[in-house]
Amino acid sequence: PTLAHGGCVATVWDEVLNIFNLKQRVPRFTASLNVDYRAPTPLCKVHRVEAWIEEGGADGRKLVSAGRMYDGSTGKLLSEARAVWVSAPEADEPETKSARVLKHLFTHPPHGPPIAKL
């Protein structure tokens, strides 16, 4: 195959847009993820991604992030995405076991080095 499956592209977007949660050290979960596919995404090529926060922030329970993916060699727009993230109610309580587990997973993924330097 020479083109990426749409589900794989959505997974990439879920990971890319999650970086804001990791940087803010706030464990949030995907509430919604919308991907608009503008062109087929070629495999085995480098693509450029731009992402930003649309609303929410470091101390908020909700964060909305968005981005665009471009073909790295042609500059053609491949997809656009928007995600809404919310923290779990127990994540607001630092003493809960769930919050401790989430924070540990953000800094110590099961395989390999940390996901992001926090």
Foldseek 3Di string as FASTA:
>chain_A
DFFDDPVVVQVVVVLVQCVQCLVLLQDWDWPDKDKDFPATHTPPADKDKDKDWPDDDSPDQKTKMKIWIAGPPPRHTGMIMITMIGGDPCCVPCPDPVVVVSSCCQQPPPDDHHPDDD
